[in-house]
Amino acid sequence: MPYRRLPNTDSARLKALRVALEKGKNLPPFKLSYSQKSLQLVRALLPGYENALTEHKTSYQLQLEKSKEFNKSMKKVRLYISHFIQVINMAIIRGELPQNTRNYFRLEADEKKLPALNSEEEILDWSNKLISGEQSRRMKGLSPITNPTIAIVNIQYDKFIEASVNFQSLKKRHHRAQENLNARRAEADSIIQQLWNEVEEKYSDLPENLKREKASDYGITYVFRKNEISNSGLLNMAQISFG
């Protein structure tokens, strides 16, 4: 016997709700096969569900776009931090700067390797170390590091902060949209199940085939199992052969 299958995608849920709502609009209450209470629930849910889907899609697309900008900005500020430290190291090697210059930037005096700059936290940390270190040097009257200067590093740092704030804001927006959509889905599942139960109860005295036919008009979906499809096919072939 075919079994009833509740919708498990947003498009299927919306279709079920819209079919039910259309029936509610076109039929008077005494002819409608489900309750007025369920009709009111469908009317209340559907606009919010559609809006939740739109907001989820919009917030995802915006997050995707800002993600590209954020990654581009992150890559650029990482490059400037690396170049600034490399300039210091090369100047020390050439004897233009004393070895203890690294201490201003909280680098080990004999450390020639670049620090890890893999995460946002590491980039923020080293940006601040370089900016405050160069400020300390300049306050002592020492010559500025150039090519790049700390001012240029600072510009890239500010751009990175702005990109990060925007990106995090959109991540939160998308998270809220996801939670709202999940709640709408759960509500839709509950209403559809209640509505379909009422429709099937309305036609419960009819033969199974007629019951399913009537219920299908309300958007209820029935699915044959594999063996039932095979048996149904064999039966149809037999009817054609001996008809």
Foldseek 3Di string as FASTA:
>chain_A
DWDWDQDDDLVLLLVLLVLQLVLVVPDDQVPRLFHPVLNVLSVVQNVLLVVLVVLLVVLVVVLVVLVVVLVVLLVVLVVVLVVLLQLVLVCCVVVNDPLCLVVLLVDPSPDDDDDDSPDPVSSLSSLVSVLRSQVVCVVVVHDARPPPTNVVSVVSVVSNVVSVVVSVVSVVSSVVSVVSNVVSVVSSSVSSVNRLVSNLVSCVPPPPVVSCVSSVSSVTDIDDDPVRVVVVVVVVVVVVVVD
